[in-house]
C-alpha atoms as a PDB file:
ATOM      1  CA  UNK A   1     -33.871  -3.512 -13.966  1.00  0.00           C
ATOM      2  CA  UNK A   2     -32.647  -6.505 -16.004  1.00  0.00           C
ATOM      3  CA  UNK A   3     -30.265  -8.888 -14.219  1.00  0.00           C
ATOM      4  CA  UNK A   4     -27.646  -8.225 -16.901  1.00  0.00           C
ATOM      5  CA  UNK A   5     -27.643  -4.567 -15.928  1.00  0.00           C
ATOM      6  CA  UNK A   6     -27.372  -5.379 -12.199  1.00  0.00           C
ATOM      7  CA  UNK A   7     -24.393  -7.677 -12.732  1.00  0.00           C
ATOM      8  CA  UNK A   8     -22.755  -5.326 -15.226  1.00  0.00           C
ATOM      9  CA  UNK A   9     -23.137  -2.378 -12.876  1.00  0.00           C
ATOM     10  CA  UNK A  10     -21.564  -4.306  -9.983  1.00  0.00           C
ATOM     11  CA  UNK A  11     -18.567  -5.133 -12.157  1.00  0.00           C
ATOM     12  CA  UNK A  12     -18.238  -1.558 -13.412  1.00  0.00           C
ATOM     13  CA  UNK A  13     -18.108  -0.311  -9.828  1.00  0.00           C
ATOM     14  CA  UNK A  14     -15.203  -2.628  -8.981  1.00  0.00           C
ATOM     15  CA  UNK A  15     -13.406  -1.701 -12.201  1.00  0.00           C
ATOM     16  CA  UNK A  16     -13.631   1.991 -11.328  1.00  0.00           C
ATOM     17  CA  UNK A  17     -12.125   1.304  -7.899  1.00  0.00           C
ATOM     18  CA  UNK A  18      -9.402  -0.799  -9.486  1.00  0.00           C
ATOM     19  CA  UNK A  19      -8.626   2.025 -11.901  1.00  0.00           C
ATOM     20  CA  UNK A  20      -8.247   4.375  -8.926  1.00  0.00           C
ATOM     21  CA  UNK A  21      -5.771   1.954  -7.335  1.00  0.00           C
ATOM     22  CA  UNK A  22      -3.745   1.700 -10.541  1.00  0.00           C
ATOM     23  CA  UNK A  23      -3.656   5.484 -10.869  1.00  0.00           C
ATOM     24  CA  UNK A  24      -2.440   5.739  -7.256  1.00  0.00           C
ATOM     25  CA  UNK A  25       0.267   3.134  -7.944  1.00  0.00           C
ATOM     26  CA  UNK A  26       1.505   5.095 -10.950  1.00  0.00           C
ATOM     27  CA  UNK A  27       1.418   8.364  -9.003  1.00  0.00           C
ATOM     28  CA  UNK A  28       3.662   6.755  -6.360  1.00  0.00           C
ATOM     29  CA  UNK A  29       6.067   5.023  -8.716  1.00  0.00           C
ATOM     30  CA  UNK A  30       8.836   7.340  -7.460  1.00  0.00           C
ATOM     31  CA  UNK A  31       7.769   7.368  -3.784  1.00  0.00           C
ATOM     32  CA  UNK A  32      10.412   5.860  -1.519  1.00  0.00           C
ATOM     33  CA  UNK A  33       9.290   2.577   0.038  1.00  0.00           C
ATOM     34  CA  UNK A  34       5.821   2.609  -1.549  1.00  0.00           C
ATOM     35  CA  UNK A  35       4.187  -0.818  -1.968  1.00  0.00           C
ATOM     36  CA  UNK A  36       2.035  -1.620  -4.992  1.00  0.00           C
ATOM     37  CA  UNK A  37      -1.643  -2.318  -4.373  1.00  0.00           C
ATOM     38  CA  UNK A  38      -4.320  -4.295  -6.198  1.00  0.00           C
ATOM     39  CA  UNK A  39      -8.014  -5.050  -5.761  1.00  0.00           C
ATOM     40  CA  UNK A  40      -9.294  -8.262  -4.196  1.00  0.00           C
ATOM     41  CA  UNK A  41     -12.519  -9.493  -5.785  1.00  0.00           C
ATOM     42  CA  UNK A  42     -15.095 -12.215  -5.205  1.00  0.00           C
ATOM     43  CA  UNK A  43     -18.483 -13.176  -6.583  1.00  0.00           C
ATOM     44  CA  UNK A  44     -21.601 -12.900  -4.452  1.00  0.00           C
ATOM     45  CA  UNK A  45     -24.429 -15.265  -5.482  1.00  0.00           C
ATOM     46  CA  UNK A  46     -27.717 -13.496  -4.784  1.00  0.00           C
ATOM     47  CA  UNK A  47     -31.399 -13.846  -5.517  1.00  0.00           C
ATOM     48  CA  UNK A  48     -32.382 -11.839  -8.572  1.00  0.00           C
ATOM     49  CA  UNK A  49     -33.874  -8.474  -7.578  1.00  0.00           C
ATOM     50  CA  UNK A  50     -37.659  -8.462  -7.769  1.00  0.00           C
ATOM     51  CA  UNK A  51     -37.998 -12.236  -8.027  1.00  0.00           C
ATOM     52  CA  UNK A  52     -41.073 -13.591  -6.261  1.00  0.00           C
ATOM     53  CA  UNK A  53     -41.607 -17.174  -7.404  1.00  0.00           C
ATOM     54  CA  UNK A  54     -39.517 -20.096  -6.211  1.00  0.00           C
ATOM     55  CA  UNK A  55     -38.658 -20.798  -9.856  1.00  0.00           C
ATOM     56  CA  UNK A  56     -36.902 -17.416  -9.950  1.00  0.00           C
ATOM     57  CA  UNK A  57     -34.504 -18.321  -7.157  1.00  0.00           C
ATOM     58  CA  UNK A  58     -31.629 -19.293  -9.395  1.00  0.00           C
ATOM     59  CA  UNK A  59     -28.781 -17.122  -8.052  1.00  0.00           C
ATOM     60  CA  UNK A  60     -26.938 -14.570 -10.117  1.00  0.00           C
ATOM     61  CA  UNK A  61     -23.327 -13.682  -9.321  1.00  0.00           C
ATOM     62  CA  UNK A  62     -22.553 -10.079  -8.453  1.00  0.00           C
ATOM     63  CA  UNK A  63     -18.941  -8.865  -8.375  1.00  0.00           C
ATOM     64  CA  UNK A  64     -17.733  -7.390  -5.088  1.00  0.00           C
ATOM     65  CA  UNK A  65     -14.427  -5.939  -3.959  1.00  0.00           C
ATOM     66  CA  UNK A  66     -13.391  -7.365  -0.593  1.00  0.00           C
ATOM     67  CA  UNK A  67     -10.384  -5.167   0.072  1.00  0.00           C
ATOM     68  CA  UNK A  68      -6.956  -4.118  -1.116  1.00  0.00           C
ATOM     69  CA  UNK A  69      -4.017  -6.487  -1.462  1.00  0.00           C
ATOM     70  CA  UNK A  70      -0.593  -4.980  -0.881  1.00  0.00           C
ATOM     71  CA  UNK A  71       2.651  -6.435  -2.230  1.00  0.00           C
ATOM     72  CA  UNK A  72       5.324  -5.911   0.418  1.00  0.00           C
ATOM     73  CA  UNK A  73       8.092  -7.123  -1.870  1.00  0.00           C
ATOM     74  CA  UNK A  74      11.290  -5.113  -1.692  1.00  0.00           C
ATOM     75  CA  UNK A  75      11.884  -2.247  -4.092  1.00  0.00           C
ATOM     76  CA  UNK A  76      15.212  -1.451  -5.736  1.00  0.00           C
ATOM     77  CA  UNK A  77      17.931   0.040  -3.522  1.00  0.00           C
ATOM     78  CA  UNK A  78      19.727   3.131  -4.777  1.00  0.00           C
ATOM     79  CA  UNK A  79      22.744   4.886  -3.327  1.00  0.00           C
ATOM     80  CA  UNK A  80      22.383   8.517  -2.250  1.00  0.00           C
ATOM     81  CA  UNK A  81      25.401   9.049  -0.010  1.00  0.00           C
ATOM     82  CA  UNK A  82      23.346  11.097   2.459  1.00  0.00           C
ATOM     83  CA  UNK A  83      24.455  10.118   5.995  1.00  0.00           C
ATOM     84  CA  UNK A  84      20.929   9.704   7.379  1.00  0.00           C
ATOM     85  CA  UNK A  85      19.345   7.999   4.390  1.00  0.00           C
ATOM     86  CA  UNK A  86      18.685   4.350   5.242  1.00  0.00           C
ATOM     87  CA  UNK A  87      17.312   1.365   3.352  1.00  0.00           C
ATOM     88  CA  UNK A  88      16.237  -1.964   4.778  1.00  0.00           C
ATOM     89  CA  UNK A  89      17.461  -5.103   3.069  1.00  0.00           C
ATOM     90  CA  UNK A  90      14.946  -7.705   4.222  1.00  0.00           C
ATOM     91  CA  UNK A  91      11.405  -7.927   5.566  1.00  0.00           C
ATOM     92  CA  UNK A  92      11.168  -5.264   8.274  1.00  0.00           C
ATOM     93  CA  UNK A  93      10.065  -1.700   8.986  1.00  0.00           C
ATOM     94  CA  UNK A  94      11.509   1.363  10.647  1.00  0.00           C
ATOM     95  CA  UNK A  95       9.633   2.340  13.806  1.00  0.00           C
ATOM     96  CA  UNK A  96       8.498   5.964  14.084  1.00  0.00           C
ATOM     97  CA  UNK A  97       6.470   7.883  16.651  1.00  0.00           C
ATOM     98  CA  UNK A  98       3.443   9.918  15.553  1.00  0.00           C
ATOM     99  CA  UNK A  99       0.644  11.744  17.339  1.00  0.00           C
ATOM    100  CA  UNK A 100      -1.480   8.617  16.807  1.00  0.00           C
ATOM    101  CA  UNK A 101       1.085   6.257  18.277  1.00  0.00           C
ATOM    102  CA  UNK A 102       3.833   4.015  16.938  1.00  0.00           C
ATOM    103  CA  UNK A 103       3.851   3.570  13.172  1.00  0.00           C
ATOM    104  CA  UNK A 104       5.981   1.639  10.671  1.00  0.00           C
ATOM    105  CA  UNK A 105       7.565   2.696   7.395  1.00  0.00           C
ATOM    106  CA  UNK A 106      10.012   1.612   4.712  1.00  0.00           C
ATOM    107  CA  UNK A 107      10.744   5.221   3.765  1.00  0.00           C
ATOM    108  CA  UNK A 108      14.244   5.844   5.088  1.00  0.00           C
ATOM    109  CA  UNK A 109      14.641   9.512   4.106  1.00  0.00           C
ATOM    110  CA  UNK A 110      15.632  10.599   7.595  1.00  0.00           C
ATOM    111  CA  UNK A 111      17.062  13.900   8.754  1.00  0.00           C
ATOM    112  CA  UNK A 112      17.917  15.831  11.916  1.00  0.00           C
ATOM    113  CA  UNK A 113      15.586  18.451  13.332  1.00  0.00           C
ATOM    114  CA  UNK A 114      16.999  21.663  14.910  1.00  0.00           C
ATOM    115  CA  UNK A 115      17.463  19.854  18.241  1.00  0.00           C
ATOM    116  CA  UNK A 116      19.454  17.001  16.666  1.00  0.00           C
ATOM    117  CA  UNK A 117      16.611  14.505  16.859  1.00  0.00           C
ATOM    118  CA  UNK A 118      16.501  11.899  14.071  1.00  0.00           C
ATOM    119  CA  UNK A 119      13.158  12.297  12.277  1.00  0.00           C
ATOM    120  CA  UNK A 120      11.273  11.472   9.100  1.00  0.00           C
ATOM    121  CA  UNK A 121      10.701  14.072   6.408  1.00  0.00           C
ATOM    122  CA  UNK A 122       7.372  14.851   8.132  1.00  0.00           C
ATOM    123  CA  UNK A 123       9.032  15.445  11.494  1.00  0.00           C
ATOM    124  CA  UNK A 124       8.106  12.152  13.178  1.00  0.00           C
ATOM    125  CA  UNK A 125      10.851  10.877  15.517  1.00  0.00           C
ATOM    126  CA  UNK A 126      12.621   7.682  14.483  1.00  0.00           C
ATOM    127  CA  UNK A 127      12.663   5.167  17.354  1.00  0.00           C
ATOM    128  CA  UNK A 128      15.526   3.027  18.590  1.00  0.00           C
ATOM    129  CA  UNK A 129      15.249  -0.657  19.405  1.00  0.00           C
ATOM    130  CA  UNK A 130      13.998   0.200  22.925  1.00  0.00           C
ATOM    131  CA  UNK A 131      11.284   2.545  21.651  1.00  0.00           C
ATOM    132  CA  UNK A 132      13.129   5.758  22.557  1.00  0.00           C
ATOM    133  CA  UNK A 133      14.049   8.706  20.363  1.00  0.00           C
ATOM    134  CA  UNK A 134      17.519   9.104  18.833  1.00  0.00           C
ATOM    135  CA  UNK A 135      19.445  12.365  19.268  1.00  0.00           C
ATOM    136  CA  UNK A 136      22.675  13.195  17.464  1.00  0.00           C
ATOM    137  CA  UNK A 137      25.250  15.861  18.369  1.00  0.00           C
ATOM    138  CA  UNK A 138      27.002  16.614  15.080  1.00  0.00           C
ATOM    139  CA  UNK A 139      29.850  18.377  16.889  1.00  0.00           C
ATOM    140  CA  UNK A 140      31.011  14.924  18.012  1.00  0.00           C
ATOM    141  CA  UNK A 141      31.970  13.789  14.538  1.00  0.00           C
ATOM    142  CA  UNK A 142      30.401  12.023  11.541  1.00  0.00           C
ATOM    143  CA  UNK A 143      27.752   9.369  12.088  1.00  0.00           C
ATOM    144  CA  UNK A 144      28.260   5.767  11.015  1.00  0.00           C
ATOM    145  CA  UNK A 145      25.342   3.333  10.895  1.00  0.00           C
ATOM    146  CA  UNK A 146      26.095  -0.374  11.029  1.00  0.00           C
ATOM    147  CA  UNK A 147      24.098  -3.033   9.233  1.00  0.00           C
ATOM    148  CA  UNK A 148      22.440  -3.939  12.526  1.00  0.00           C
ATOM    149  CA  UNK A 149      21.323  -0.298  12.952  1.00  0.00           C
ATOM    150  CA  UNK A 150      23.922   0.674  15.546  1.00  0.00           C
ATOM    151  CA  UNK A 151      24.790   4.373  15.264  1.00  0.00           C
ATOM    152  CA  UNK A 152      28.230   5.588  16.315  1.00  0.00           C
ATOM    153  CA  UNK A 153      30.299   8.765  16.131  1.00  0.00           C
ATOM    154  CA  UNK A 154      34.070   8.966  15.971  1.00  0.00           C
ATOM    155  CA  UNK A 155      36.232  11.922  16.933  1.00  0.00           C
ATOM    156  CA  UNK A 156      39.971  11.973  17.543  1.00  0.00           C
ATOM    157  CA  UNK A 157      40.102   8.199  17.665  1.00  0.00           C
ATOM    158  CA  UNK A 158      37.266   7.895  20.186  1.00  0.00           C
ATOM    159  CA  UNK A 159      34.092   6.095  19.129  1.00  0.00           C
ATOM    160  CA  UNK A 160      30.813   6.791  20.886  1.00  0.00           C
ATOM    161  CA  UNK A 161      27.636   4.732  20.532  1.00  0.00           C
ATOM    162  CA  UNK A 162      24.559   6.922  19.981  1.00  0.00           C
ATOM    163  CA  UNK A 163      21.873   4.277  19.774  1.00  0.00           C
ATOM    164  CA  UNK A 164      20.451   1.618  17.529  1.00  0.00           C
ATOM    165  CA  UNK A 165      17.771   2.190  14.901  1.00  0.00           C
ATOM    166  CA  UNK A 166      14.770   0.027  15.746  1.00  0.00           C
ATOM    167  CA  UNK A 167      13.383  -2.440  13.225  1.00  0.00           C
ATOM    168  CA  UNK A 168      10.129  -4.360  13.445  1.00  0.00           C
ATOM    169  CA  UNK A 169       8.618  -7.205  11.479  1.00  0.00           C
ATOM    170  CA  UNK A 170       5.165  -8.823  11.452  1.00  0.00           C
ATOM    171  CA  UNK A 171       4.331 -12.461  10.859  1.00  0.00           C
ATOM    172  CA  UNK A 172       0.958 -11.460   9.414  1.00  0.00           C
ATOM    173  CA  UNK A 173       1.366  -8.485   7.082  1.00  0.00           C
ATOM    174  CA  UNK A 174      -2.390  -8.174   6.584  1.00  0.00           C
ATOM    175  CA  UNK A 175      -2.577  -6.542  10.004  1.00  0.00           C
ATOM    176  CA  UNK A 176      -0.861  -3.435   8.598  1.00  0.00           C
ATOM    177  CA  UNK A 177      -3.057  -0.646   7.241  1.00  0.00           C
ATOM    178  CA  UNK A 178      -2.017   2.583   5.533  1.00  0.00           C
ATOM    179  CA  UNK A 179      -1.956   5.546   7.891  1.00  0.00           C
ATOM    180  CA  UNK A 180      -0.750   8.423   5.726  1.00  0.00           C
ATOM    181  CA  UNK A 181       2.755   9.887   5.300  1.00  0.00           C
ATOM    182  CA  UNK A 182       3.891   6.580   3.747  1.00  0.00           C
ATOM    183  CA  UNK A 183       3.466   4.798   7.079  1.00  0.00           C
ATOM    184  CA  UNK A 184       1.437   1.861   8.378  1.00  0.00           C
ATOM    185  CA  UNK A 185      -0.341   1.124  11.636  1.00  0.00           C
ATOM    186  CA  UNK A 186      -0.908  -2.206  13.324  1.00  0.00           C
ATOM    187  CA  UNK A 187      -4.647  -2.933  13.264  1.00  0.00           C
ATOM    188  CA  UNK A 188      -4.505  -6.196  15.223  1.00  0.00           C
ATOM    189  CA  UNK A 189      -3.331  -7.520  18.571  1.00  0.00           C
ATOM    190  CA  UNK A 190      -0.244  -8.887  16.844  1.00  0.00           C
ATOM    191  CA  UNK A 191       2.980  -7.760  18.517  1.00  0.00           C
ATOM    192  CA  UNK A 192       5.786  -6.393  16.380  1.00  0.00           C
ATOM    193  CA  UNK A 193       8.808  -8.698  16.471  1.00  0.00           C
ATOM    194  CA  UNK A 194      12.522  -7.971  16.225  1.00  0.00           C
ATOM    195  CA  UNK A 195      14.036  -8.393  12.769  1.00  0.00           C
ATOM    196  CA  UNK A 196      17.530  -9.855  13.253  1.00  0.00           C
ATOM    197  CA  UNK A 197      17.734 -11.073   9.661  1.00  0.00           C
ATOM    198  CA  UNK A 198      17.129  -7.612   8.150  1.00  0.00           C
ATOM    199  CA  UNK A 199      20.033  -5.226   7.599  1.00  0.00           C
ATOM    200  CA  UNK A 200      20.233  -1.445   7.322  1.00  0.00           C
ATOM    201  CA  UNK A 201      22.164   0.135   4.477  1.00  0.00           C
ATOM    202  CA  UNK A 202      23.412   3.644   5.255  1.00  0.00           C
ATOM    203  CA  UNK A 203      23.404   6.196   2.442  1.00  0.00           C
ATOM    204  CA  UNK A 204      20.854   4.244   0.423  1.00  0.00           C
ATOM    205  CA  UNK A 205      17.096   4.399  -0.153  1.00  0.00           C
ATOM    206  CA  UNK A 206      14.531   1.819  -1.176  1.00  0.00           C
ATOM    207  CA  UNK A 207      12.420   2.788  -4.163  1.00  0.00           C
ATOM    208  CA  UNK A 208       8.823   1.819  -4.763  1.00  0.00           C
ATOM    209  CA  UNK A 209       8.140  -1.702  -6.030  1.00  0.00           C
ATOM    210  CA  UNK A 210       5.695  -0.387  -8.630  1.00  0.00           C
ATOM    211  CA  UNK A 211       6.437  -1.580 -12.182  1.00  0.00           C
ATOM    212  CA  UNK A 212       5.018   1.234 -14.371  1.00  0.00           C
ATOM    213  CA  UNK A 213       4.816  -0.861 -17.546  1.00  0.00           C
ATOM    214  CA  UNK A 214       2.732  -3.515 -15.777  1.00  0.00           C
ATOM    215  CA  UNK A 215       0.483  -0.871 -14.217  1.00  0.00           C
ATOM    216  CA  UNK A 216      -0.116   0.815 -17.579  1.00  0.00           C
ATOM    217  CA  UNK A 217      -0.943  -2.592 -19.064  1.00  0.00           C
ATOM    218  CA  UNK A 218      -3.417  -3.196 -16.233  1.00  0.00           C
ATOM    219  CA  UNK A 219      -4.932   0.232 -16.811  1.00  0.00           C
ATOM    220  CA  UNK A 220      -5.531  -0.566 -20.485  1.00  0.00           C
ATOM    221  CA  UNK A 221      -7.079  -3.933 -19.589  1.00  0.00           C
ATOM    222  CA  UNK A 222      -9.385  -2.385 -16.988  1.00  0.00           C
ATOM    223  CA  UNK A 223     -10.447   0.396 -19.369  1.00  0.00           C
ATOM    224  CA  UNK A 224     -11.250  -2.096 -22.105  1.00  0.00           C
ATOM    225  CA  UNK A 225     -13.180  -4.316 -19.696  1.00  0.00           C
ATOM    226  CA  UNK A 226     -15.210  -1.310 -18.533  1.00  0.00           C
ATOM    227  CA  UNK A 227     -16.032  -0.338 -22.119  1.00  0.00           C
ATOM    228  CA  UNK A 228     -16.948  -3.927 -22.999  1.00  0.00           C
ATOM    229  CA  UNK A 229     -19.369  -4.174 -20.089  1.00  0.00           C
ATOM    230  CA  UNK A 230     -20.863  -0.797 -20.994  1.00  0.00           C
ATOM    231  CA  UNK A 231     -21.552  -2.083 -24.520  1.00  0.00           C
ATOM    232  CA  UNK A 232     -23.087  -5.284 -23.138  1.00  0.00           C
ATOM    233  CA  UNK A 233     -25.357  -3.261 -20.858  1.00  0.00           C
ATOM    234  CA  UNK A 234     -26.364  -0.975 -23.724  1.00  0.00           C
ATOM    235  CA  UNK A 235     -27.187  -3.981 -25.901  1.00  0.00           C
ATOM    236  CA  UNK A 236     -29.245  -5.544 -23.100  1.00  0.00           C
ATOM    237  CA  UNK A 237     -31.122  -2.280 -22.585  1.00  0.00           C
ATOM    238  CA  UNK A 238     -31.811  -1.958 -26.330  1.00  0.00           C
ATOM    239  CA  UNK A 239     -33.035  -5.564 -26.462  1.00  0.00           C
ATOM    240  CA  UNK A 240     -35.449  -4.934 -23.581  1.00  0.00           C
ATOM    241  CA  UNK A 241     -36.660  -1.745 -25.231  1.00  0.00           C
ATOM    242  CA  UNK A 242     -37.320  -3.473 -28.559  1.00  0.00           C
ATOM    243  CA  UNK A 243     -39.106  -6.334 -26.798  1.00  0.00           C
ATOM    244  CA  UNK A 244     -41.418  -3.902 -25.008  1.00  0.00           C
ATOM    245  CA  UNK A 245     -42.111  -2.035 -28.242  1.00  0.00           C
ATOM    246  CA  UNK A 246     -43.052  -5.262 -30.043  1.00  0.00           C
ATOM    247  CA  UNK A 247     -45.307  -6.356 -27.205  1.00  0.00           C
ATOM    248  CA  UNK A 248     -46.942  -2.954 -27.333  1.00  0.00           C
ATOM    249  CA  UNK A 249     -47.681  -3.284 -31.036  1.00  0.00           C
ATOM    250  CA  UNK A 250     -49.218  -6.749 -30.510  1.00  0.00           C
ATOM    251  CA  UNK A 251     -51.632  -5.297 -27.978  1.00  0.00           C
END
């Protein structure tokens, strides 16, 4: 196969993956706490396939995807008024407990299960700052959540502290990997730190940080680049075919 086709094919493969990422971003434009993703690329100089002579050792650059970059920038905060909806203002995550262990999320759509336990929409318990679960008895009055995450209930002038919603931050965000249900897991030995600078806003939710117009623009650019490379590969294939036909006629 001609080197042009090898290089073009490598780029088409990365463009298809990038298109999948863009489509996923657009599909999650209304997902609470979702973080926009993009492809990381690099060139890989390699010896041309099938080259045997030392004079053929001039490298050609293939295009490779090396991973997914995630923008953890904050999304817009919107008011819902729901007592257990929470949004984080600052760089931090809610801590939740799953069957696979402790996970982290920016999706603050919390609720109470039948036992009064504070959970995510998927039923995962929300953890307090000591790593324990939070249980609320709604017969003891309405719940107030302070900016530091402290949860209290007031009834007949008496205020009772329920617990404190746990927040975690990471110095190196690349250690976080998606784990389903809009949550992340820590893939390194890095220890989650406290987040004293982050605040919790009760009755609010953080939206996704996806900008649909930019994603649609990227989708158009990727589609055009894919089509352009396809034309280049077709032209290279036609040129090789005509060259072979001419050599055949000379013989």
